[in-house]
PDB file of N, CA and C in Angstrom:
ATOM      1  N   MET A   1      17.408  -4.554 -40.902  1.00  0.00           N
ATOM      2  CA  MET A   1      17.659  -4.406 -39.490  1.00  0.00           C
ATOM      3  C   MET A   1      16.312  -4.264 -38.799  1.00  0.00           C
ATOM      4  N   THR A   2      16.118  -5.005 -37.745  1.00  0.00           N
ATOM      5  CA  THR A   2      14.878  -4.902 -36.992  1.00  0.00           C
ATOM      6  C   THR A   2      15.174  -4.673 -35.518  1.00  0.00           C
ATOM      7  N   THR A   3      14.277  -4.000 -34.864  1.00  0.00           N
ATOM      8  CA  THR A   3      14.345  -3.784 -33.433  1.00  0.00           C
ATOM      9  C   THR A   3      12.971  -4.081 -32.889  1.00  0.00           C
ATOM     10  N   GLU A   4      12.901  -5.084 -32.035  1.00  0.00           N
ATOM     11  CA  GLU A   4      11.627  -5.485 -31.446  1.00  0.00           C
ATOM     12  C   GLU A   4      10.577  -5.755 -32.524  1.00  0.00           C
ATOM     13  N   GLY A   5      10.969  -6.429 -33.586  1.00  0.00           N
ATOM     14  CA  GLY A   5      10.032  -6.781 -34.640  1.00  0.00           C
ATOM     15  C   GLY A   5       9.695  -5.681 -35.612  1.00  0.00           C
ATOM     16  N   LYS A   6      10.282  -4.501 -35.461  1.00  0.00           N
ATOM     17  CA  LYS A   6      10.012  -3.377 -36.362  1.00  0.00           C
ATOM     18  C   LYS A   6      11.127  -3.273 -37.395  1.00  0.00           C
ATOM     19  N   THR A   7      10.757  -3.077 -38.647  1.00  0.00           N
ATOM     20  CA  THR A   7      11.747  -2.890 -39.699  1.00  0.00           C
ATOM     21  C   THR A   7      12.244  -1.454 -39.639  1.00  0.00           C
ATOM     22  N   MET A   8      13.560  -1.294 -39.729  1.00  0.00           N
ATOM     23  CA  MET A   8      14.169   0.018 -39.575  1.00  0.00           C
ATOM     24  C   MET A   8      14.720   0.531 -40.907  1.00  0.00           C
ATOM     25  N   ASN A   9      14.741   1.849 -41.038  1.00  0.00           N
ATOM     26  CA  ASN A   9      15.434   2.525 -42.128  1.00  0.00           C
ATOM     27  C   ASN A   9      16.848   2.781 -41.617  1.00  0.00           C
ATOM     28  N   LYS A  10      17.831   2.868 -42.532  1.00  0.00           N
ATOM     29  CA  LYS A  10      19.218   3.014 -42.105  1.00  0.00           C
ATOM     30  C   LYS A  10      19.951   4.040 -42.950  1.00  0.00           C
ATOM     31  N   VAL A  11      20.883   4.758 -42.310  1.00  0.00           N
ATOM     32  CA  VAL A  11      21.851   5.586 -43.021  1.00  0.00           C
ATOM     33  C   VAL A  11      23.140   4.773 -42.992  1.00  0.00           C
ATOM     34  N   ILE A  12      23.669   4.467 -44.153  1.00  0.00           N
ATOM     35  CA  ILE A  12      24.857   3.621 -44.260  1.00  0.00           C
ATOM     36  C   ILE A  12      26.042   4.472 -44.689  1.00  0.00           C
ATOM     37  N   HIS A  13      27.154   4.324 -43.968  1.00  0.00           N
ATOM     38  CA  HIS A  13      28.365   5.070 -44.304  1.00  0.00           C
ATOM     39  C   HIS A  13      29.572   4.178 -44.077  1.00  0.00           C
ATOM     40  N   ILE A  14      30.461   4.135 -45.052  1.00  0.00           N
ATOM     41  CA  ILE A  14      31.735   3.442 -44.893  1.00  0.00           C
ATOM     42  C   ILE A  14      32.805   4.518 -44.848  1.00  0.00           C
ATOM     43  N   THR A  15      33.548   4.569 -43.745  1.00  0.00           N
ATOM     44  CA  THR A  15      34.552   5.610 -43.559  1.00  0.00           C
ATOM     45  C   THR A  15      35.751   5.368 -44.466  1.00  0.00           C
ATOM     46  N   GLY A  16      36.614   6.352 -44.544  1.00  0.00           N
ATOM     47  CA  GLY A  16      37.841   6.227 -45.318  1.00  0.00           C
ATOM     48  C   GLY A  16      38.746   5.123 -44.795  1.00  0.00           C
ATOM     49  N   HIS A  17      38.533   4.737 -43.539  1.00  0.00           N
ATOM     50  CA  HIS A  17      39.317   3.669 -42.931  1.00  0.00           C
ATOM     51  C   HIS A  17      38.638   2.313 -43.084  1.00  0.00           C
ATOM     52  N   GLY A  18      37.529   2.267 -43.830  1.00  0.00           N
ATOM     53  CA  GLY A  18      36.829   1.017 -44.077  1.00  0.00           C
ATOM     54  C   GLY A  18      35.867   0.592 -42.981  1.00  0.00           C
ATOM     55  N   GLU A  19      35.601   1.487 -42.032  1.00  0.00           N
ATOM     56  CA  GLU A  19      34.672   1.165 -40.947  1.00  0.00           C
ATOM     57  C   GLU A  19      33.241   1.393 -41.407  1.00  0.00           C
ATOM     58  N   LEU A  20      32.361   0.466 -41.100  1.00  0.00           N
ATOM     59  CA  LEU A  20      30.948   0.599 -41.423  1.00  0.00           C
ATOM     60  C   LEU A  20      30.248   1.290 -40.260  1.00  0.00           C
ATOM     61  N   ARG A  21      29.538   2.372 -40.552  1.00  0.00           N
ATOM     62  CA  ARG A  21      28.745   3.072 -39.543  1.00  0.00           C
ATOM     63  C   ARG A  21      27.305   3.080 -40.023  1.00  0.00           C
ATOM     64  N   VAL A  22      26.399   2.746 -39.113  1.00  0.00           N
ATOM     65  CA  VAL A  22      24.989   2.679 -39.458  1.00  0.00           C
ATOM     66  C   VAL A  22      24.179   3.456 -38.435  1.00  0.00           C
ATOM     67  N   PHE A  23      23.318   4.350 -38.920  1.00  0.00           N
ATOM     68  CA  PHE A  23      22.329   5.042 -38.098  1.00  0.00           C
ATOM     69  C   PHE A  23      20.997   4.439 -38.491  1.00  0.00           C
ATOM     70  N   ALA A  24      20.253   3.918 -37.530  1.00  0.00           N
ATOM     71  CA  ALA A  24      18.973   3.279 -37.846  1.00  0.00           C
ATOM     72  C   ALA A  24      17.845   3.947 -37.074  1.00  0.00           C
ATOM     73  N   ASP A  25      16.715   4.104 -37.726  1.00  0.00           N
ATOM     74  CA  ASP A  25      15.543   4.689 -37.086  1.00  0.00           C
ATOM     75  C   ASP A  25      14.299   4.179 -37.790  1.00  0.00           C
ATOM     76  N   GLU A  26      13.232   4.044 -37.058  1.00  0.00           N
ATOM     77  CA  GLU A  26      11.960   3.629 -37.631  1.00  0.00           C
ATOM     78  C   GLU A  26      11.439   4.687 -38.602  1.00  0.00           C
ATOM     79  N   SER A  27      11.804   5.942 -38.357  1.00  0.00           N
ATOM     80  CA  SER A  27      11.326   7.064 -39.163  1.00  0.00           C
ATOM     81  C   SER A  27      12.242   7.310 -40.359  1.00  0.00           C
ATOM     82  N   LEU A  28      11.685   7.218 -41.564  1.00  0.00           N
ATOM     83  CA  LEU A  28      12.451   7.533 -42.767  1.00  0.00           C
ATOM     84  C   LEU A  28      12.882   8.993 -42.747  1.00  0.00           C
ATOM     85  N   ALA A  29      12.019   9.877 -42.282  1.00  0.00           N
ATOM     86  CA  ALA A  29      12.349  11.308 -42.213  1.00  0.00           C
ATOM     87  C   ALA A  29      13.569  11.551 -41.321  1.00  0.00           C
ATOM     88  N   ALA A  30      13.661  10.831 -40.207  1.00  0.00           N
ATOM     89  CA  ALA A  30      14.816  10.979 -39.311  1.00  0.00           C
ATOM     90  C   ALA A  30      16.093  10.529 -40.010  1.00  0.00           C
ATOM     91  N   CYS A  31      16.020   9.454 -40.777  1.00  0.00           N
ATOM     92  CA  CYS A  31      17.191   8.980 -41.516  1.00  0.00           C
ATOM     93  C   CYS A  31      17.600   9.967 -42.602  1.00  0.00           C
ATOM     94  N   ILE A  32      16.634  10.534 -43.290  1.00  0.00           N
ATOM     95  CA  ILE A  32      16.938  11.526 -44.322  1.00  0.00           C
ATOM     96  C   ILE A  32      17.592  12.753 -43.691  1.00  0.00           C
ATOM     97  N   ARG A  33      17.063  13.215 -42.556  1.00  0.00           N
ATOM     98  CA  ARG A  33      17.668  14.365 -41.854  1.00  0.00           C
ATOM     99  C   ARG A  33      19.107  14.057 -41.450  1.00  0.00           C
ATOM    100  N   GLU A  34      19.334  12.857 -40.911  1.00  0.00           N
ATOM    101  CA  GLU A  34      20.682  12.474 -40.489  1.00  0.00           C
ATOM    102  C   GLU A  34      21.625  12.395 -41.685  1.00  0.00           C
ATOM    103  N   ALA A  35      21.191  11.803 -42.780  1.00  0.00           N
ATOM    104  CA  ALA A  35      22.032  11.731 -43.984  1.00  0.00           C
ATOM    105  C   ALA A  35      22.340  13.128 -44.500  1.00  0.00           C
ATOM    106  N   ASN A  36      21.341  14.000 -44.539  1.00  0.00           N
ATOM    107  CA  ASN A  36      21.569  15.367 -45.006  1.00  0.00           C
ATOM    108  C   ASN A  36      22.524  16.107 -44.083  1.00  0.00           C
ATOM    109  N   ARG A  37      22.384  15.904 -42.770  1.00  0.00           N
ATOM    110  CA  ARG A  37      23.278  16.565 -41.806  1.00  0.00           C
ATOM    111  C   ARG A  37      24.710  16.104 -42.032  1.00  0.00           C
ATOM    112  N   LEU A  38      24.911  14.797 -42.138  1.00  0.00           N
ATOM    113  CA  LEU A  38      26.254  14.260 -42.334  1.00  0.00           C
ATOM    114  C   LEU A  38      26.844  14.690 -43.667  1.00  0.00           C
ATOM    115  N   ASN A  39      26.045  14.666 -44.725  1.00  0.00           N
ATOM    116  CA  ASN A  39      26.538  15.073 -46.046  1.00  0.00           C
ATOM    117  C   ASN A  39      26.883  16.554 -46.077  1.00  0.00           C
ATOM    118  N   ALA A  40      26.042  17.399 -45.448  1.00  0.00           N
ATOM    119  CA  ALA A  40      26.313  18.836 -45.416  1.00  0.00           C
ATOM    120  C   ALA A  40      27.568  19.126 -44.601  1.00  0.00           C
ATOM    121  N   GLU A  41      27.754  18.382 -43.532  1.00  0.00           N
ATOM    122  CA  GLU A  41      28.929  18.546 -42.674  1.00  0.00           C
ATOM    123  C   GLU A  41      30.217  18.322 -43.461  1.00  0.00           C
ATOM    124  N   ARG A  42      30.180  17.388 -44.399  1.00  0.00           N
ATOM    125  CA  ARG A  42      31.361  17.052 -45.202  1.00  0.00           C
ATOM    126  C   ARG A  42      31.336  17.670 -46.600  1.00  0.00           C
ATOM    127  N   GLY A  43      30.227  18.287 -46.981  1.00  0.00           N
ATOM    128  CA  GLY A  43      30.138  18.899 -48.298  1.00  0.00           C
ATOM    129  C   GLY A  43      29.878  17.912 -49.418  1.00  0.00           C
ATOM    130  N   PHE A  44      29.380  16.727 -49.083  1.00  0.00           N
ATOM    131  CA  PHE A  44      29.102  15.717 -50.099  1.00  0.00           C
ATOM    132  C   PHE A  44      27.739  15.951 -50.736  1.00  0.00           C
ATOM    133  N   THR A  45      27.625  15.626 -52.023  1.00  0.00           N
ATOM    134  CA  THR A  45      26.354  15.821 -52.717  1.00  0.00           C
ATOM    135  C   THR A  45      25.837  14.575 -53.422  1.00  0.00           C
ATOM    136  N   SER A  46      26.621  13.505 -53.486  1.00  0.00           N
ATOM    137  CA  SER A  46      26.096  12.321 -54.170  1.00  0.00           C
ATOM    138  C   SER A  46      26.689  11.035 -53.621  1.00  0.00           C
ATOM    139  N   GLY A  47      25.816  10.166 -53.189  1.00  0.00           N
ATOM    140  CA  GLY A  47      26.132   8.793 -52.883  1.00  0.00           C
ATOM    141  C   GLY A  47      27.149   8.433 -51.829  1.00  0.00           C
ATOM    142  N   VAL A  48      27.654   9.376 -51.062  1.00  0.00           N
ATOM    143  CA  VAL A  48      28.646   9.021 -50.066  1.00  0.00           C
ATOM    144  C   VAL A  48      27.979   8.329 -48.885  1.00  0.00           C
ATOM    145  N   ARG A  49      26.906   8.894 -48.419  1.00  0.00           N
ATOM    146  CA  ARG A  49      26.084   8.256 -47.404  1.00  0.00           C
ATOM    147  C   ARG A  49      24.737   7.995 -48.043  1.00  0.00           C
ATOM    148  N   VAL A  50      24.205   6.826 -47.828  1.00  0.00           N
ATOM    149  CA  VAL A  50      22.917   6.500 -48.421  1.00  0.00           C
ATOM    150  C   VAL A  50      21.935   6.102 -47.337  1.00  0.00           C
ATOM    151  N   VAL A  51      20.667   6.291 -47.641  1.00  0.00           N
ATOM    152  CA  VAL A  51      19.608   5.815 -46.762  1.00  0.00           C
ATOM    153  C   VAL A  51      19.064   4.544 -47.379  1.00  0.00           C
ATOM    154  N   GLU A  52      19.062   3.481 -46.593  1.00  0.00           N
ATOM    155  CA  GLU A  52      18.432   2.243 -47.031  1.00  0.00           C
ATOM    156  C   GLU A  52      17.078   2.170 -46.340  1.00  0.00           C
ATOM    157  N   CYS A  53      16.023   2.231 -47.134  1.00  0.00           N
ATOM    158  CA  CYS A  53      14.661   2.217 -46.608  1.00  0.00           C
ATOM    159  C   CYS A  53      14.295   0.816 -46.139  1.00  0.00           C
ATOM    160  N   ALA A  54      13.286   0.761 -45.298  1.00  0.00           N
ATOM    161  CA  ALA A  54      12.836  -0.513 -44.744  1.00  0.00           C
ATOM    162  C   ALA A  54      12.498  -1.525 -45.831  1.00  0.00           C
ATOM    163  N   ASP A  55      12.055  -1.034 -46.995  1.00  0.00           N
ATOM    164  CA  ASP A  55      11.685  -1.941 -48.093  1.00  0.00           C
ATOM    165  C   ASP A  55      12.872  -2.339 -48.973  1.00  0.00           C
ATOM    166  N   GLY A  56      14.096  -1.878 -48.617  1.00  0.00           N
ATOM    167  CA  GLY A  56      15.290  -2.228 -49.373  1.00  0.00           C
ATOM    168  C   GLY A  56      15.719  -1.196 -50.396  1.00  0.00           C
ATOM    169  N   HIS A  57      14.841  -0.236 -50.722  1.00  0.00           N
ATOM    170  CA  HIS A  57      15.165   0.843 -51.667  1.00  0.00           C
ATOM    171  C   HIS A  57      16.256   1.724 -51.061  1.00  0.00           C
ATOM    172  N   ARG A  58      17.195   2.155 -51.869  1.00  0.00           N
ATOM    173  CA  ARG A  58      18.260   3.036 -51.377  1.00  0.00           C
ATOM    174  C   ARG A  58      18.129   4.424 -51.986  1.00  0.00           C
ATOM    175  N   MET A  59      18.370   5.430 -51.149  1.00  0.00           N
ATOM    176  CA  MET A  59      18.328   6.829 -51.573  1.00  0.00           C
ATOM    177  C   MET A  59      19.740   7.390 -51.489  1.00  0.00           C
ATOM    178  N   THR A  60      20.191   8.047 -52.561  1.00  0.00           N
ATOM    179  CA  THR A  60      21.512   8.673 -52.555  1.00  0.00           C
ATOM    180  C   THR A  60      21.456   9.986 -51.793  1.00  0.00           C
ATOM    181  N   ALA A  61      22.601  10.598 -51.606  1.00  0.00           N
ATOM    182  CA  ALA A  61      22.645  11.909 -50.956  1.00  0.00           C
ATOM    183  C   ALA A  61      21.821  12.928 -51.724  1.00  0.00           C
ATOM    184  N   ALA A  62      21.884  12.868 -53.047  1.00  0.00           N
ATOM    185  CA  ALA A  62      21.099  13.799 -53.876  1.00  0.00           C
ATOM    186  C   ALA A  62      19.595  13.575 -53.686  1.00  0.00           C
ATOM    187  N   ASP A  63      19.190  12.301 -53.579  1.00  0.00           N
ATOM    188  CA  ASP A  63      17.776  11.991 -53.323  1.00  0.00           C
ATOM    189  C   ASP A  63      17.332  12.569 -51.985  1.00  0.00           C
ATOM    190  N   CYS A  64      18.165  12.412 -50.960  1.00  0.00           N
ATOM    191  CA  CYS A  64      17.828  12.905 -49.618  1.00  0.00           C
ATOM    192  C   CYS A  64      17.719  14.418 -49.620  1.00  0.00           C
ATOM    193  N   LYS A  65      18.656  15.069 -50.303  1.00  0.00           N
ATOM    194  CA  LYS A  65      18.638  16.542 -50.354  1.00  0.00           C
ATOM    195  C   LYS A  65      17.379  17.028 -51.057  1.00  0.00           C
ATOM    196  N   ALA A  66      16.973  16.358 -52.112  1.00  0.00           N
ATOM    197  CA  ALA A  66      15.783  16.752 -52.859  1.00  0.00           C
ATOM    198  C   ALA A  66      14.508  16.522 -52.046  1.00  0.00           C
ATOM    199  N   THR A  67      14.526  15.533 -51.159  1.00  0.00           N
ATOM    200  CA  THR A  67      13.359  15.190 -50.352  1.00  0.00           C
ATOM    201  C   THR A  67      13.168  16.152 -49.180  1.00  0.00           C
ATOM    202  N   ALA A  68      14.252  16.721 -48.696  1.00  0.00           N
ATOM    203  CA  ALA A  68      14.211  17.570 -47.489  1.00  0.00           C
ATOM    204  C   ALA A  68      13.441  18.847 -47.686  1.00  0.00           C
TER     205      ALA A  68
END
């Protein structure tokens, strides 16, 4: 995902109803914070919401929690 030529990091979530929700930000730290906030809100600890980094690498919920 790009915005004005900038590669973005994304928090990817597929809801129980099959809806795709994406939070995108240039800042990886902002995406990690958002993933941790969403995971903590629901009590999830692994892979429910993932951060897809600008380089294509994906971080699980556990990775995000460990990074925070």
